[in-house]
């Protein structure tokens, strides 16, 4: 039973982290398409910089996601 828990707990934590990351992407995907379309193929850091440049025009959900992640 102990081995089972050691195998399952990390899996649950990874799944939870991936889910949170996906929610963040979902919150900002429309804003990224709207304000940063020209940069979408340049990588996450470039898109993040673009979103920060347009912070005042972003949706509340995207603004909150950026704030929650220290951006």
Foldseek 3Di string as FASTA:
>chain_A
DVVVCVVVVVVVVVVVVVVLVVQLCVQCVVVLCVQPVVCPVVDDVVSVVRCVVVVVVGDPSNNVSCVVVVD
